[in-house]
C-alpha atoms as a PDB file:
ATOM      1  CA  MET A   1       0.000   0.000   0.000  1.00  0.00           C
ATOM      2  CA  LEU A   2       1.286   3.445  -0.970  1.00  0.00           C
ATOM      3  CA  LEU A   3       0.676   6.245   1.518  1.00  0.00           C
ATOM      4  CA  VAL A   4       0.616   9.701  -0.022  1.00  0.00           C
ATOM      5  CA  VAL A   5       1.179  12.595   2.306  1.00  0.00           C
ATOM      6  CA  SER A   6       0.445  16.105   1.104  1.00  0.00           C
ATOM      7  CA  THR A   7       3.322  18.495   1.587  1.00  0.00           C
ATOM      8  CA  SER A   8       1.401  21.568   0.475  1.00  0.00           C
ATOM      9  CA  VAL A   9       1.197  24.270   3.063  1.00  0.00           C
ATOM     10  CA  CYS A  10      -1.545  26.886   3.078  1.00  0.00           C
ATOM     11  CA  VAL A  11       0.141  30.280   2.896  1.00  0.00           C
ATOM     12  CA  PHE A  12      -2.812  31.954   4.646  1.00  0.00           C
ATOM     13  CA  CYS A  13      -2.686  29.444   7.513  1.00  0.00           C
ATOM     14  CA  GLU A  14       1.026  30.220   7.808  1.00  0.00           C
ATOM     15  CA  ILE A  15       0.201  33.945   8.088  1.00  0.00           C
ATOM     16  CA  ALA A  16      -2.550  33.260  10.647  1.00  0.00           C
ATOM     17  CA  ALA A  17      -0.113  31.165  12.709  1.00  0.00           C
ATOM     18  CA  GLY A  18       2.522  33.912  12.599  1.00  0.00           C
ATOM     19  CA  ARG A  19       4.980  31.761  10.631  1.00  0.00           C
ATOM     20  CA  SER A  20       4.839  33.978   7.516  1.00  0.00           C
ATOM     21  CA  ASP A  21       5.004  37.738   7.343  1.00  0.00           C
ATOM     22  CA  ALA A  22       2.137  39.908   6.190  1.00  0.00           C
ATOM     23  CA  GLU A  23       1.205  43.541   6.681  1.00  0.00           C
ATOM     24  CA  LEU A  24      -1.644  43.006   9.155  1.00  0.00           C
ATOM     25  CA  VAL A  25      -4.493  45.514   9.193  1.00  0.00           C
ATOM     26  CA  LEU A  26      -7.088  43.733  11.351  1.00  0.00           C
ATOM     27  CA  GLU A  27      -6.898  41.073  14.024  1.00  0.00           C
ATOM     28  CA  SER A  28      -9.830  39.573  15.866  1.00  0.00           C
ATOM     29  CA  GLU A  29     -10.619  36.301  17.601  1.00  0.00           C
ATOM     30  CA  HIS A  30     -11.848  34.611  14.418  1.00  0.00           C
ATOM     31  CA  CYS A  31     -10.409  36.670  11.554  1.00  0.00           C
ATOM     32  CA  LEU A  32      -7.243  38.214  10.234  1.00  0.00           C
ATOM     33  CA  GLY A  33      -6.938  40.994   7.659  1.00  0.00           C
ATOM     34  CA  PHE A  34      -3.768  41.851   5.758  1.00  0.00           C
ATOM     35  CA  LEU A  35      -2.624  43.682   2.654  1.00  0.00           C
ATOM     36  CA  ASP A  36      -2.646  41.734  -0.606  1.00  0.00           C
ATOM     37  CA  ILE A  37       0.929  41.435  -1.898  1.00  0.00           C
ATOM     38  CA  ARG A  38      -0.360  41.857  -5.476  1.00  0.00           C
ATOM     39  CA  PRO A  39      -2.908  44.630  -4.957  1.00  0.00           C
ATOM     40  CA  LEU A  40      -5.331  45.974  -7.508  1.00  0.00           C
ATOM     41  CA  PHE A  41      -4.659  49.301  -5.780  1.00  0.00           C
ATOM     42  CA  PRO A  42      -2.704  50.163  -2.614  1.00  0.00           C
ATOM     43  CA  GLY A  43      -4.944  49.344   0.327  1.00  0.00           C
ATOM     44  CA  HIS A  44      -6.307  46.127  -1.244  1.00  0.00           C
ATOM     45  CA  CYS A  45      -6.876  43.837   1.750  1.00  0.00           C
ATOM     46  CA  LEU A  46      -7.616  40.168   2.213  1.00  0.00           C
ATOM     47  CA  LEU A  47      -9.724  38.995   5.147  1.00  0.00           C
ATOM     48  CA  ILE A  48      -9.556  35.352   6.218  1.00  0.00           C
ATOM     49  CA  PRO A  49     -10.911  33.171   8.998  1.00  0.00           C
ATOM     50  CA  ARG A  50      -8.001  32.140  11.217  1.00  0.00           C
ATOM     51  CA  GLY A  51      -8.801  28.446  10.807  1.00  0.00           C
ATOM     52  CA  HIS A  52      -8.430  26.688   7.480  1.00  0.00           C
ATOM     53  CA  VAL A  53     -11.626  26.712   5.418  1.00  0.00           C
ATOM     54  CA  GLU A  54     -11.384  26.472   1.645  1.00  0.00           C
ATOM     55  CA  THR A  55     -14.692  27.891   0.388  1.00  0.00           C
ATOM     56  CA  LEU A  56     -17.781  29.757   1.556  1.00  0.00           C
ATOM     57  CA  PRO A  57     -20.029  26.677   1.441  1.00  0.00           C
ATOM     58  CA  GLU A  58     -17.643  24.992   3.901  1.00  0.00           C
ATOM     59  CA  LEU A  59     -17.616  27.926   6.359  1.00  0.00           C
ATOM     60  CA  SER A  60     -19.359  26.946   9.590  1.00  0.00           C
ATOM     61  CA  GLU A  61     -22.432  28.950  10.531  1.00  0.00           C
ATOM     62  CA  ASP A  62     -20.759  30.283  13.666  1.00  0.00           C
ATOM     63  CA  LEU A  63     -18.050  31.925  11.521  1.00  0.00           C
ATOM     64  CA  VAL A  64     -20.329  33.536   8.926  1.00  0.00           C
ATOM     65  CA  ALA A  65     -21.247  36.498  11.138  1.00  0.00           C
ATOM     66  CA  PRO A  66     -17.701  37.232  12.393  1.00  0.00           C
ATOM     67  CA  LEU A  67     -16.259  37.068   8.857  1.00  0.00           C
ATOM     68  CA  PHE A  68     -18.871  39.374   7.367  1.00  0.00           C
ATOM     69  CA  LEU A  69     -18.941  41.782  10.311  1.00  0.00           C
ATOM     70  CA  GLU A  70     -15.193  42.234   9.859  1.00  0.00           C
ATOM     71  CA  THR A  71     -15.721  42.540   6.087  1.00  0.00           C
ATOM     72  CA  ARG A  72     -18.193  45.340   6.775  1.00  0.00           C
ATOM     73  CA  LEU A  73     -15.662  47.022   9.078  1.00  0.00           C
ATOM     74  CA  LEU A  74     -12.910  46.843   6.446  1.00  0.00           C
ATOM     75  CA  SER A  75     -15.332  48.124   3.790  1.00  0.00           C
ATOM     76  CA  LYS A  76     -15.515  51.328   5.866  1.00  0.00           C
ATOM     77  CA  ALA A  77     -11.903  51.456   7.053  1.00  0.00           C
ATOM     78  CA  VAL A  78     -10.163  50.913   3.699  1.00  0.00           C
ATOM     79  CA  PRO A  79     -11.843  53.840   1.863  1.00  0.00           C
ATOM     80  CA  ALA A  80     -11.391  56.052   4.932  1.00  0.00           C
ATOM     81  CA  ALA A  81      -7.688  55.241   5.171  1.00  0.00           C
ATOM     82  CA  MET A  82      -7.038  55.475   1.438  1.00  0.00           C
ATOM     83  CA  GLY A  83      -9.160  58.544   0.679  1.00  0.00           C
ATOM     84  CA  ALA A  84     -11.261  56.427  -1.699  1.00  0.00           C
ATOM     85  CA  GLN A  85     -14.883  56.961  -2.701  1.00  0.00           C
ATOM     86  CA  GLY A  86     -15.913  53.398  -1.894  1.00  0.00           C
ATOM     87  CA  SER A  87     -14.843  49.788  -1.949  1.00  0.00           C
ATOM     88  CA  PHE A  88     -15.189  46.629  -3.975  1.00  0.00           C
ATOM     89  CA  ILE A  89     -15.861  43.392  -2.078  1.00  0.00           C
ATOM     90  CA  ALA A  90     -15.198  40.055  -3.794  1.00  0.00           C
ATOM     91  CA  MET A  91     -14.742  36.376  -3.052  1.00  0.00           C
ATOM     92  CA  ASN A  92     -13.986  33.408  -5.287  1.00  0.00           C
ATOM     93  CA  ASN A  93     -14.952  29.821  -4.567  1.00  0.00           C
ATOM     94  CA  LYS A  94     -12.492  27.383  -6.186  1.00  0.00           C
ATOM     95  CA  VAL A  95     -12.440  28.924  -9.692  1.00  0.00           C
ATOM     96  CA  SER A  96      -9.947  31.826  -9.710  1.00  0.00           C
ATOM     97  CA  GLN A  97      -9.203  31.215  -6.028  1.00  0.00           C
ATOM     98  CA  SER A  98      -5.416  31.621  -6.015  1.00  0.00           C
ATOM     99  CA  VAL A  99      -5.070  30.345  -2.439  1.00  0.00           C
ATOM    100  CA  PRO A 100      -7.404  27.523  -1.364  1.00  0.00           C
ATOM    101  CA  HIS A 101      -8.370  29.275   1.872  1.00  0.00           C
ATOM    102  CA  ILE A 102     -11.518  31.410   1.897  1.00  0.00           C
ATOM    103  CA  HIS A 103     -10.632  35.079   1.622  1.00  0.00           C
ATOM    104  CA  VAL A 104     -12.592  38.241   1.057  1.00  0.00           C
ATOM    105  CA  HIS A 105     -11.020  40.963  -1.093  1.00  0.00           C
ATOM    106  CA  VAL A 106     -11.663  44.520   0.092  1.00  0.00           C
ATOM    107  CA  VAL A 107     -10.409  46.935  -2.543  1.00  0.00           C
ATOM    108  CA  PRO A 108     -10.505  50.758  -2.402  1.00  0.00           C
ATOM    109  CA  ARG A 109     -12.369  52.169  -5.408  1.00  0.00           C
ATOM    110  CA  ASN A 110     -12.800  55.531  -7.082  1.00  0.00           C
ATOM    111  CA  ARG A 111     -14.824  56.477 -10.120  1.00  0.00           C
ATOM    112  CA  LYS A 112     -12.828  56.069 -13.337  1.00  0.00           C
ATOM    113  CA  ASP A 113     -10.053  54.151 -11.535  1.00  0.00           C
ATOM    114  CA  GLY A 114      -9.555  51.864 -14.518  1.00  0.00           C
ATOM    115  CA  LEU A 115     -11.231  48.692 -13.250  1.00  0.00           C
ATOM    116  CA  LYS A 116     -13.701  47.460 -15.832  1.00  0.00           C
ATOM    117  CA  GLY A 117     -15.662  44.262 -15.443  1.00  0.00           C
ATOM    118  CA  PHE A 118     -13.222  41.586 -14.460  1.00  0.00           C
ATOM    119  CA  PHE A 119     -10.144  43.043 -16.145  1.00  0.00           C
ATOM    120  CA  TRP A 120      -8.078  43.959 -13.123  1.00  0.00           C
ATOM    121  CA  PRO A 121      -4.645  45.420 -13.785  1.00  0.00           C
ATOM    122  CA  ARG A 122      -2.537  45.291 -10.636  1.00  0.00           C
ATOM    123  CA  HIS A 123      -1.076  48.465  -9.124  1.00  0.00           C
ATOM    124  CA  GLY A 124       1.522  47.562  -6.532  1.00  0.00           C
ATOM    125  CA  TYR A 125       3.172  49.502  -3.746  1.00  0.00           C
ATOM    126  CA  ARG A 126       6.038  51.858  -4.565  1.00  0.00           C
ATOM    127  CA  ASN A 127       8.229  50.096  -2.004  1.00  0.00           C
ATOM    128  CA  ASP A 128       8.100  48.355   1.389  1.00  0.00           C
ATOM    129  CA  ASP A 129       7.724  51.676   3.222  1.00  0.00           C
ATOM    130  CA  HIS A 130       4.664  52.526   1.126  1.00  0.00           C
ATOM    131  CA  MET A 131       3.185  49.130   2.031  1.00  0.00           C
ATOM    132  CA  ARG A 132       3.874  49.661   5.758  1.00  0.00           C
ATOM    133  CA  GLU A 133       2.403  53.194   5.659  1.00  0.00           C
ATOM    134  CA  THR A 134      -0.717  51.876   3.939  1.00  0.00           C
ATOM    135  CA  GLY A 135      -1.076  49.116   6.521  1.00  0.00           C
ATOM    136  CA  ALA A 136      -0.680  51.613   9.368  1.00  0.00           C
ATOM    137  CA  ALA A 137      -3.339  53.894   7.885  1.00  0.00           C
ATOM    138  CA  ILE A 138      -5.839  51.058   7.567  1.00  0.00           C
ATOM    139  CA  ARG A 139      -5.066  49.745  11.093  1.00  0.00           C
ATOM    140  CA  ALA A 140      -5.708  53.245  12.455  1.00  0.00           C
ATOM    141  CA  ALA A 141      -8.998  53.472  10.558  1.00  0.00           C
ATOM    142  CA  VAL A 142     -10.049  50.032  11.907  1.00  0.00           C
ATOM    143  CA  GLN A 143      -9.251  51.169  15.472  1.00  0.00           C
ATOM    144  CA  GLU A 144     -11.210  54.380  14.993  1.00  0.00           C
ATOM    145  CA  LEU A 145     -14.260  52.526  13.681  1.00  0.00           C
ATOM    146  CA  ARG A 146     -14.336  49.832  16.389  1.00  0.00           C
END
């Protein structure tokens, strides 16, 4: 008998466990928010449940409210911190899900910002300092809104 052991490691679980670095913007008992390393725009955040869950249908009922309450909080904090007019909230389930761990995208949006349909050119950070400053601004906005 051949025993196959998976060696794949979930990068989001590694972040949640503190074994991988991320620019954290929100921490709560059940959720963790951090900046996307390939942002659509600076301030693009990902929100995850701390425990490994691959898709929304698999999310336990007791985690639905915490995940979406924190999504609502980030949907206010990100535009406030980034001086944006609003936000875009998105989630993939399997198809186009680059990391198989449920995550909610919270993206700052402005009219005529160049996003059309599902063509999403990426606009990264100028440098690590810009990323840290963006993270600090969003953390401050989260604290102010709590």
